[in-house]
Amino acid sequence: MGRKVHTPHFIVLSVVEPMYPTRLGVTVSRKVGNAVVRNRLKRLIKEFFRNNYKGLATNSSLSIIAKRGAGKLDQLSVNQELVFLLQHRDRQ
């Protein structure tokens, strides 16, 4: 069974799947901004995943969906929101 956690700029869906290694999916729609903004946000999210890969639950699939306004965030803000999301996800 999966879990869903919200913040003002992201939704994180997580599912534990024993058959697969920990993996990440990123969805950034056109509502967030133009192609430059969307690609920048994807890079920031992937960088967070690379830096925090070891701290994530093993065999979990994460899907991070960006909401409107997420394109204005910098790396520090993205990290703070996603760390909160991952901590909240682990408590449920």
PDB file of N, CA and C in Angstrom:
ATOM      1  N   MET A   1       0.834  -1.173   0.000  1.00  0.00           N
ATOM      2  CA  MET A   1       0.000   0.000   0.000  1.00  0.00           C
ATOM      3  C   MET A   1       0.881   1.239   0.000  1.00  0.00           C
ATOM      4  N   GLY A   2       0.533   2.221  -0.776  1.00  0.00           N
ATOM      5  CA  GLY A   2       1.327   3.425  -0.919  1.00  0.00           C
ATOM      6  C   GLY A   2       0.913   4.522   0.043  1.00  0.00           C
ATOM      7  N   ARG A   3       1.752   5.526   0.122  1.00  0.00           N
ATOM      8  CA  ARG A   3       1.494   6.683   0.973  1.00  0.00           C
ATOM      9  C   ARG A   3       1.575   7.942   0.122  1.00  0.00           C
ATOM     10  N   LYS A   4       0.840   8.966   0.550  1.00  0.00           N
ATOM     11  CA  LYS A   4       0.785  10.225  -0.171  1.00  0.00           C
ATOM     12  C   LYS A   4       0.937  11.352   0.843  1.00  0.00           C
ATOM     13  N   VAL A   5       1.915  12.243   0.591  1.00  0.00           N
ATOM     14  CA  VAL A   5       2.197  13.346   1.497  1.00  0.00           C
ATOM     15  C   VAL A   5       2.263  14.637   0.679  1.00  0.00           C
ATOM     16  N   HIS A   6       1.679  15.724   1.229  1.00  0.00           N
ATOM     17  CA  HIS A   6       1.626  17.020   0.543  1.00  0.00           C
ATOM     18  C   HIS A   6       2.436  18.076   1.285  1.00  0.00           C
ATOM     19  N   THR A   7       2.990  19.029   0.529  1.00  0.00           N
ATOM     20  CA  THR A   7       3.495  20.302   1.048  1.00  0.00           C
ATOM     21  C   THR A   7       2.985  21.372   0.091  1.00  0.00           C
ATOM     22  N   PRO A   8       3.303  22.636   0.331  1.00  0.00           N
ATOM     23  CA  PRO A   8       2.818  23.663  -0.586  1.00  0.00           C
ATOM     24  C   PRO A   8       3.307  23.494  -2.030  1.00  0.00           C
ATOM     25  N   HIS A   9       4.474  22.859  -2.233  1.00  0.00           N
ATOM     26  CA  HIS A   9       5.031  22.787  -3.579  1.00  0.00           C
ATOM     27  C   HIS A   9       5.173  21.375  -4.150  1.00  0.00           C
ATOM     28  N   PHE A  10       4.993  20.342  -3.335  1.00  0.00           N
ATOM     29  CA  PHE A  10       5.205  18.979  -3.821  1.00  0.00           C
ATOM     30  C   PHE A  10       4.172  18.005  -3.263  1.00  0.00           C
ATOM     31  N   ILE A  11       3.993  16.923  -4.006  1.00  0.00           N
ATOM     32  CA  ILE A  11       3.265  15.747  -3.546  1.00  0.00           C
ATOM     33  C   ILE A  11       4.239  14.588  -3.707  1.00  0.00           C
ATOM     34  N   VAL A  12       4.381  13.766  -2.685  1.00  0.00           N
ATOM     35  CA  VAL A  12       5.240  12.588  -2.792  1.00  0.00           C
ATOM     36  C   VAL A  12       4.388  11.346  -2.595  1.00  0.00           C
ATOM     37  N   LEU A  13       4.444  10.466  -3.571  1.00  0.00           N
ATOM     38  CA  LEU A  13       3.790   9.171  -3.491  1.00  0.00           C
ATOM     39  C   LEU A  13       4.891   8.139  -3.284  1.00  0.00           C
ATOM     40  N   SER A  14       4.718   7.257  -2.325  1.00  0.00           N
ATOM     41  CA  SER A  14       5.741   6.237  -2.088  1.00  0.00           C
ATOM     42  C   SER A  14       5.086   4.869  -1.928  1.00  0.00           C
ATOM     43  N   VAL A  15       5.766   3.889  -2.493  1.00  0.00           N
ATOM     44  CA  VAL A  15       5.314   2.510  -2.414  1.00  0.00           C
ATOM     45  C   VAL A  15       6.541   1.636  -2.179  1.00  0.00           C
ATOM     46  N   VAL A  16       6.446   0.705  -1.247  1.00  0.00           N
ATOM     47  CA  VAL A  16       7.532  -0.253  -1.026  1.00  0.00           C
ATOM     48  C   VAL A  16       7.307  -1.421  -1.970  1.00  0.00           C
ATOM     49  N   GLU A  17       8.317  -1.675  -2.804  1.00  0.00           N
ATOM     50  CA  GLU A  17       8.247  -2.758  -3.784  1.00  0.00           C
ATOM     51  C   GLU A  17       9.487  -3.639  -3.642  1.00  0.00           C
ATOM     52  N   PRO A  18       9.364  -4.790  -3.009  1.00  0.00           N
ATOM     53  CA  PRO A  18      10.529  -5.632  -2.734  1.00  0.00           C
ATOM     54  C   PRO A  18      11.277  -6.104  -3.988  1.00  0.00           C
ATOM     55  N   MET A  19      10.611  -6.101  -5.120  1.00  0.00           N
ATOM     56  CA  MET A  19      11.233  -6.611  -6.349  1.00  0.00           C
ATOM     57  C   MET A  19      12.171  -5.597  -7.010  1.00  0.00           C
ATOM     58  N   TYR A  20      12.103  -4.327  -6.604  1.00  0.00           N
ATOM     59  CA  TYR A  20      12.861  -3.280  -7.278  1.00  0.00           C
ATOM     60  C   TYR A  20      13.754  -2.534  -6.306  1.00  0.00           C
ATOM     61  N   PRO A  21      14.870  -1.983  -6.791  1.00  0.00           N
ATOM     62  CA  PRO A  21      15.686  -1.118  -5.931  1.00  0.00           C
ATOM     63  C   PRO A  21      14.978   0.224  -5.736  1.00  0.00           C
ATOM     64  N   THR A  22      15.490   1.041  -4.839  1.00  0.00           N
ATOM     65  CA  THR A  22      14.919   2.364  -4.618  1.00  0.00           C
ATOM     66  C   THR A  22      15.020   3.158  -5.916  1.00  0.00           C
ATOM     67  N   ARG A  23      13.908   3.780  -6.302  1.00  0.00           N
ATOM     68  CA  ARG A  23      13.912   4.524  -7.559  1.00  0.00           C
ATOM     69  C   ARG A  23      13.048   5.771  -7.434  1.00  0.00           C
ATOM     70  N   LEU A  24      13.211   6.662  -8.403  1.00  0.00           N
ATOM     71  CA  LEU A  24      12.582   7.972  -8.350  1.00  0.00           C
ATOM     72  C   LEU A  24      11.882   8.277  -9.660  1.00  0.00           C
ATOM     73  N   GLY A  25      10.701   8.862  -9.539  1.00  0.00           N
ATOM     74  CA  GLY A  25       9.987   9.401 -10.694  1.00  0.00           C
ATOM     75  C   GLY A  25       9.666  10.855 -10.399  1.00  0.00           C
ATOM     76  N   VAL A  26       9.865  11.719 -11.385  1.00  0.00           N
ATOM     77  CA  VAL A  26       9.622  13.148 -11.204  1.00  0.00           C
ATOM     78  C   VAL A  26       8.622  13.608 -12.250  1.00  0.00           C
ATOM     79  N   THR A  27       7.576  14.303 -11.811  1.00  0.00           N
ATOM     80  CA  THR A  27       6.573  14.849 -12.717  1.00  0.00           C
ATOM     81  C   THR A  27       6.491  16.351 -12.494  1.00  0.00           C
ATOM     82  N   VAL A  28       6.744  17.098 -13.567  1.00  0.00           N
ATOM     83  CA  VAL A  28       6.641  18.552 -13.516  1.00  0.00           C
ATOM     84  C   VAL A  28       5.837  18.979 -14.735  1.00  0.00           C
ATOM     85  N   SER A  29       4.610  19.424 -14.513  1.00  0.00           N
ATOM     86  CA  SER A  29       3.726  19.775 -15.629  1.00  0.00           C
ATOM     87  C   SER A  29       3.991  21.195 -16.132  1.00  0.00           C
ATOM     88  N   ARG A  30       3.369  21.531 -17.226  1.00  0.00           N
ATOM     89  CA  ARG A  30       3.518  22.872 -17.801  1.00  0.00           C
ATOM     90  C   ARG A  30       2.940  23.950 -16.893  1.00  0.00           C
ATOM     91  N   LYS A  31       2.107  23.585 -15.955  1.00  0.00           N
ATOM     92  CA  LYS A  31       1.553  24.558 -15.014  1.00  0.00           C
ATOM     93  C   LYS A  31       2.638  25.170 -14.128  1.00  0.00           C
ATOM     94  N   VAL A  32       3.747  24.463 -13.969  1.00  0.00           N
ATOM     95  CA  VAL A  32       4.838  24.926 -13.121  1.00  0.00           C
ATOM     96  C   VAL A  32       5.641  26.022 -13.815  1.00  0.00           C
ATOM     97  N   GLY A  33       5.777  25.945 -15.130  1.00  0.00           N
ATOM     98  CA  GLY A  33       6.548  26.953 -15.854  1.00  0.00           C
ATOM     99  C   GLY A  33       6.929  26.461 -17.229  1.00  0.00           C
ATOM    100  N   ASN A  34       7.766  27.238 -17.894  1.00  0.00           N
ATOM    101  CA  ASN A  34       8.211  26.848 -19.233  1.00  0.00           C
ATOM    102  C   ASN A  34       9.254  25.724 -19.133  1.00  0.00           C
ATOM    103  N   ALA A  35       9.766  25.292 -20.272  1.00  0.00           N
ATOM    104  CA  ALA A  35      10.676  24.142 -20.311  1.00  0.00           C
ATOM    105  C   ALA A  35      11.937  24.372 -19.485  1.00  0.00           C
ATOM    106  N   VAL A  36      12.464  25.577 -19.515  1.00  0.00           N
ATOM    107  CA  VAL A  36      13.677  25.880 -18.755  1.00  0.00           C
ATOM    108  C   VAL A  36      13.413  25.713 -17.254  1.00  0.00           C
ATOM    109  N   VAL A  37      12.303  26.225 -16.785  1.00  0.00           N
ATOM    110  CA  VAL A  37      11.942  26.130 -15.366  1.00  0.00           C
ATOM    111  C   VAL A  37      11.686  24.682 -14.976  1.00  0.00           C
ATOM    112  N   ARG A  38      10.950  23.960 -15.806  1.00  0.00           N
ATOM    113  CA  ARG A  38      10.641  22.550 -15.499  1.00  0.00           C
ATOM    114  C   ARG A  38      11.906  21.711 -15.438  1.00  0.00           C
ATOM    115  N   ASN A  39      12.805  21.887 -16.397  1.00  0.00           N
ATOM    116  CA  ASN A  39      14.043  21.097 -16.400  1.00  0.00           C
ATOM    117  C   ASN A  39      14.940  21.442 -15.216  1.00  0.00           C
ATOM    118  N   ARG A  40      14.989  22.724 -14.844  1.00  0.00           N
ATOM    119  CA  ARG A  40      15.776  23.130 -13.686  1.00  0.00           C
ATOM    120  C   ARG A  40      15.238  22.483 -12.418  1.00  0.00           C
ATOM    121  N   LEU A  41      13.919  22.483 -12.263  1.00  0.00           N
ATOM    122  CA  LEU A  41      13.309  21.878 -11.082  1.00  0.00           C
ATOM    123  C   LEU A  41      13.569  20.373 -11.041  1.00  0.00           C
ATOM    124  N   LYS A  42      13.499  19.717 -12.178  1.00  0.00           N
ATOM    125  CA  LYS A  42      13.804  18.277 -12.218  1.00  0.00           C
ATOM    126  C   LYS A  42      15.236  18.021 -11.787  1.00  0.00           C
ATOM    127  N   ARG A  43      16.177  18.856 -12.238  1.00  0.00           N
ATOM    128  CA  ARG A  43      17.576  18.696 -11.832  1.00  0.00           C
ATOM    129  C   ARG A  43      17.735  18.873 -10.330  1.00  0.00           C
ATOM    130  N   LEU A  44      17.032  19.855  -9.748  1.00  0.00           N
ATOM    131  CA  LEU A  44      17.119  20.078  -8.306  1.00  0.00           C
ATOM    132  C   LEU A  44      16.582  18.880  -7.522  1.00  0.00           C
ATOM    133  N   ILE A  45      15.474  18.315  -7.978  1.00  0.00           N
ATOM    134  CA  ILE A  45      14.886  17.150  -7.301  1.00  0.00           C
ATOM    135  C   ILE A  45      15.798  15.938  -7.426  1.00  0.00           C
ATOM    136  N   LYS A  46      16.362  15.729  -8.617  1.00  0.00           N
ATOM    137  CA  LYS A  46      17.277  14.592  -8.814  1.00  0.00           C
ATOM    138  C   LYS A  46      18.537  14.750  -7.977  1.00  0.00           C
ATOM    139  N   GLU A  47      19.018  15.979  -7.823  1.00  0.00           N
ATOM    140  CA  GLU A  47      20.187  16.228  -6.977  1.00  0.00           C
ATOM    141  C   GLU A  47      19.872  15.893  -5.516  1.00  0.00           C
ATOM    142  N   PHE A  48      18.696  16.259  -5.055  1.00  0.00           N
ATOM    143  CA  PHE A  48      18.271  15.882  -3.708  1.00  0.00           C
ATOM    144  C   PHE A  48      18.284  14.365  -3.561  1.00  0.00           C
ATOM    145  N   PHE A  49      17.741  13.659  -4.540  1.00  0.00           N
ATOM    146  CA  PHE A  49      17.684  12.196  -4.493  1.00  0.00           C
ATOM    147  C   PHE A  49      19.090  11.605  -4.457  1.00  0.00           C
ATOM    148  N   ARG A  50      19.995  12.118  -5.278  1.00  0.00           N
ATOM    149  CA  ARG A  50      21.377  11.615  -5.286  1.00  0.00           C
ATOM    150  C   ARG A  50      22.049  11.820  -3.937  1.00  0.00           C
ATOM    151  N   ASN A  51      21.829  12.982  -3.322  1.00  0.00           N
ATOM    152  CA  ASN A  51      22.474  13.286  -2.041  1.00  0.00           C
ATOM    153  C   ASN A  51      21.864  12.531  -0.872  1.00  0.00           C
ATOM    154  N   ASN A  52      20.618  12.109  -0.973  1.00  0.00           N
ATOM    155  CA  ASN A  52      19.921  11.471   0.140  1.00  0.00           C
ATOM    156  C   ASN A  52      19.525  10.028  -0.137  1.00  0.00           C
ATOM    157  N   TYR A  53      20.087   9.446  -1.150  1.00  0.00           N
ATOM    158  CA  TYR A  53      19.734   8.086  -1.568  1.00  0.00           C
ATOM    159  C   TYR A  53      19.932   7.079  -0.440  1.00  0.00           C
ATOM    160  N   LYS A  54      21.016   7.208   0.293  1.00  0.00           N
ATOM    161  CA  LYS A  54      21.325   6.244   1.363  1.00  0.00           C
ATOM    162  C   LYS A  54      20.319   6.316   2.514  1.00  0.00           C
ATOM    163  N   GLY A  55      19.754   7.489   2.765  1.00  0.00           N
ATOM    164  CA  GLY A  55      18.829   7.661   3.871  1.00  0.00           C
ATOM    165  C   GLY A  55      17.399   7.246   3.565  1.00  0.00           C
ATOM    166  N   LEU A  56      17.118   6.922   2.319  1.00  0.00           N
ATOM    167  CA  LEU A  56      15.766   6.535   1.934  1.00  0.00           C
ATOM    168  C   LEU A  56      15.518   5.068   2.253  1.00  0.00           C
ATOM    169  N   ALA A  57      14.270   4.721   2.434  1.00  0.00           N
ATOM    170  CA  ALA A  57      13.912   3.327   2.692  1.00  0.00           C
ATOM    171  C   ALA A  57      14.303   2.472   1.487  1.00  0.00           C
ATOM    172  N   THR A  58      14.826   1.304   1.755  1.00  0.00           N
ATOM    173  CA  THR A  58      15.212   0.428   0.656  1.00  0.00           C
ATOM    174  C   THR A  58      13.977  -0.126  -0.039  1.00  0.00           C
ATOM    175  N   ASN A  59      14.127  -0.407  -1.306  1.00  0.00           N
ATOM    176  CA  ASN A  59      13.065  -0.988  -2.135  1.00  0.00           C
ATOM    177  C   ASN A  59      11.809  -0.123  -2.167  1.00  0.00           C
ATOM    178  N   SER A  60      11.977   1.184  -2.180  1.00  0.00           N
ATOM    179  CA  SER A  60      10.810   2.053  -2.271  1.00  0.00           C
ATOM    180  C   SER A  60      10.823   2.792  -3.606  1.00  0.00           C
ATOM    181  N   SER A  61       9.658   2.970  -4.147  1.00  0.00           N
ATOM    182  CA  SER A  61       9.503   3.758  -5.357  1.00  0.00           C
ATOM    183  C   SER A  61       8.893   5.091  -4.953  1.00  0.00           C
ATOM    184  N   LEU A  62       9.571   6.183  -5.299  1.00  0.00           N
ATOM    185  CA  LEU A  62       9.096   7.515  -4.966  1.00  0.00           C
ATOM    186  C   LEU A  62       8.667   8.216  -6.244  1.00  0.00           C
ATOM    187  N   SER A  63       7.535   8.861  -6.185  1.00  0.00           N
ATOM    188  CA  SER A  63       7.079   9.696  -7.285  1.00  0.00           C
ATOM    189  C   SER A  63       6.857  11.090  -6.711  1.00  0.00           C
ATOM    190  N   ILE A  64       7.646  12.053  -7.198  1.00  0.00           N
ATOM    191  CA  ILE A  64       7.549  13.418  -6.714  1.00  0.00           C
ATOM    192  C   ILE A  64       6.860  14.251  -7.786  1.00  0.00           C
ATOM    193  N   ILE A  65       5.756  14.875  -7.411  1.00  0.00           N
ATOM    194  CA  ILE A  65       4.967  15.684  -8.331  1.00  0.00           C
ATOM    195  C   ILE A  65       5.063  17.136  -7.877  1.00  0.00           C
ATOM    196  N   ALA A  66       5.489  18.005  -8.785  1.00  0.00           N
ATOM    197  CA  ALA A  66       5.619  19.423  -8.458  1.00  0.00           C
ATOM    198  C   ALA A  66       4.278  20.126  -8.651  1.00  0.00           C
ATOM    199  N   LYS A  67       3.974  21.045  -7.737  1.00  0.00           N
ATOM    200  CA  LYS A  67       2.763  21.856  -7.836  1.00  0.00           C
ATOM    201  C   LYS A  67       3.134  23.242  -8.380  1.00  0.00           C
ATOM    202  N   ARG A  68       2.109  24.038  -8.655  1.00  0.00           N
ATOM    203  CA  ARG A  68       2.344  25.416  -9.096  1.00  0.00           C
ATOM    204  C   ARG A  68       3.205  26.151  -8.077  1.00  0.00           C
ATOM    205  N   GLY A  69       4.096  26.978  -8.567  1.00  0.00           N
ATOM    206  CA  GLY A  69       4.965  27.753  -7.697  1.00  0.00           C
ATOM    207  C   GLY A  69       6.266  27.059  -7.346  1.00  0.00           C
ATOM    208  N   ALA A  70       6.380  25.782  -7.616  1.00  0.00           N
ATOM    209  CA  ALA A  70       7.605  25.042  -7.283  1.00  0.00           C
ATOM    210  C   ALA A  70       8.787  25.500  -8.131  1.00  0.00           C
ATOM    211  N   GLY A  71       8.518  26.031  -9.291  1.00  0.00           N
ATOM    212  CA  GLY A  71       9.586  26.491 -10.180  1.00  0.00           C
ATOM    213  C   GLY A  71      10.364  27.666  -9.631  1.00  0.00           C
ATOM    214  N   LYS A  72       9.829  28.350  -8.635  1.00  0.00           N
ATOM    215  CA  LYS A  72      10.499  29.514  -8.051  1.00  0.00           C
ATOM    216  C   LYS A  72      11.445  29.136  -6.913  1.00  0.00           C
ATOM    217  N   LEU A  73      11.471  27.868  -6.538  1.00  0.00           N
ATOM    218  CA  LEU A  73      12.295  27.428  -5.414  1.00  0.00           C
ATOM    219  C   LEU A  73      13.753  27.302  -5.803  1.00  0.00           C
ATOM    220  N   ASP A  74      14.646  27.487  -4.819  1.00  0.00           N
ATOM    221  CA  ASP A  74      16.064  27.215  -5.033  1.00  0.00           C
ATOM    222  C   ASP A  74      16.398  25.852  -4.413  1.00  0.00           C
ATOM    223  N   GLN A  75      17.656  25.435  -4.540  1.00  0.00           N
ATOM    224  CA  GLN A  75      18.052  24.102  -4.071  1.00  0.00           C
ATOM    225  C   GLN A  75      17.799  23.923  -2.579  1.00  0.00           C
ATOM    226  N   LEU A  76      18.094  24.928  -1.785  1.00  0.00           N
ATOM    227  CA  LEU A  76      17.896  24.829  -0.335  1.00  0.00           C
ATOM    228  C   LEU A  76      16.424  24.629   0.008  1.00  0.00           C
ATOM    229  N   SER A  77      15.543  25.374  -0.647  1.00  0.00           N
ATOM    230  CA  SER A  77      14.102  25.247  -0.380  1.00  0.00           C
ATOM    231  C   SER A  77      13.575  23.884  -0.807  1.00  0.00           C
ATOM    232  N   VAL A  78      14.041  23.401  -1.955  1.00  0.00           N
ATOM    233  CA  VAL A  78      13.634  22.069  -2.423  1.00  0.00           C
ATOM    234  C   VAL A  78      14.066  21.019  -1.409  1.00  0.00           C
ATOM    235  N   ASN A  79      15.319  21.101  -0.964  1.00  0.00           N
ATOM    236  CA  ASN A  79      15.828  20.134   0.021  1.00  0.00           C
ATOM    237  C   ASN A  79      15.017  20.166   1.310  1.00  0.00           C
ATOM    238  N   GLN A  80      14.699  21.366   1.809  1.00  0.00           N
ATOM    239  CA  GLN A  80      13.954  21.473   3.062  1.00  0.00           C
ATOM    240  C   GLN A  80      12.568  20.856   2.936  1.00  0.00           C
ATOM    241  N   GLU A  81      11.886  21.114   1.838  1.00  0.00           N
ATOM    242  CA  GLU A  81      10.542  20.547   1.679  1.00  0.00           C
ATOM    243  C   GLU A  81      10.579  19.041   1.515  1.00  0.00           C
ATOM    244  N   LEU A  82      11.534  18.540   0.738  1.00  0.00           N
ATOM    245  CA  LEU A  82      11.573  17.102   0.496  1.00  0.00           C
ATOM    246  C   LEU A  82      12.056  16.335   1.715  1.00  0.00           C
ATOM    247  N   VAL A  83      12.962  16.895   2.493  1.00  0.00           N
ATOM    248  CA  VAL A  83      13.378  16.238   3.737  1.00  0.00           C
ATOM    249  C   VAL A  83      12.178  16.144   4.667  1.00  0.00           C
ATOM    250  N   PHE A  84      11.400  17.215   4.763  1.00  0.00           N
ATOM    251  CA  PHE A  84      10.190  17.186   5.575  1.00  0.00           C
ATOM    252  C   PHE A  84       9.243  16.098   5.070  1.00  0.00           C
ATOM    253  N   LEU A  85       9.064  16.024   3.770  1.00  0.00           N
ATOM    254  CA  LEU A  85       8.163  15.024   3.205  1.00  0.00           C
ATOM    255  C   LEU A  85       8.630  13.610   3.521  1.00  0.00           C
ATOM    256  N   LEU A  86       9.919  13.366   3.381  1.00  0.00           N
ATOM    257  CA  LEU A  86      10.440  12.023   3.620  1.00  0.00           C
ATOM    258  C   LEU A  86      10.354  11.652   5.103  1.00  0.00           C
ATOM    259  N   GLN A  87      10.591  12.617   5.984  1.00  0.00           N
ATOM    260  CA  GLN A  87      10.461  12.347   7.416  1.00  0.00           C
ATOM    261  C   GLN A  87       9.010  12.068   7.762  1.00  0.00           C
ATOM    262  N   HIS A  88       8.100  12.843   7.188  1.00  0.00           N
ATOM    263  CA  HIS A  88       6.672  12.662   7.438  1.00  0.00           C
ATOM    264  C   HIS A  88       6.194  11.315   6.886  1.00  0.00           C
ATOM    265  N   ARG A  89       6.716  10.950   5.728  1.00  0.00           N
ATOM    266  CA  ARG A  89       6.356   9.675   5.098  1.00  0.00           C
ATOM    267  C   ARG A  89       6.778   8.518   5.982  1.00  0.00           C
ATOM    268  N   ASP A  90       7.979   8.620   6.605  1.00  0.00           N
ATOM    269  CA  ASP A  90       8.473   7.524   7.439  1.00  0.00           C
ATOM    270  C   ASP A  90       7.671   7.367   8.725  1.00  0.00           C
ATOM    271  N   ARG A  91       7.033   8.446   9.209  1.00  0.00           N
ATOM    272  CA  ARG A  91       6.254   8.379  10.439  1.00  0.00           C
ATOM    273  C   ARG A  91       4.901   7.723  10.236  1.00  0.00           C
ATOM    274  N   GLN A  92       4.412   7.694   9.026  1.00  0.00           N
ATOM    275  CA  GLN A  92       3.074   7.156   8.805  1.00  0.00           C
ATOM    276  C   GLN A  92       3.069   5.653   8.800  1.00  0.00           C
TER     277      GLN A  92
END
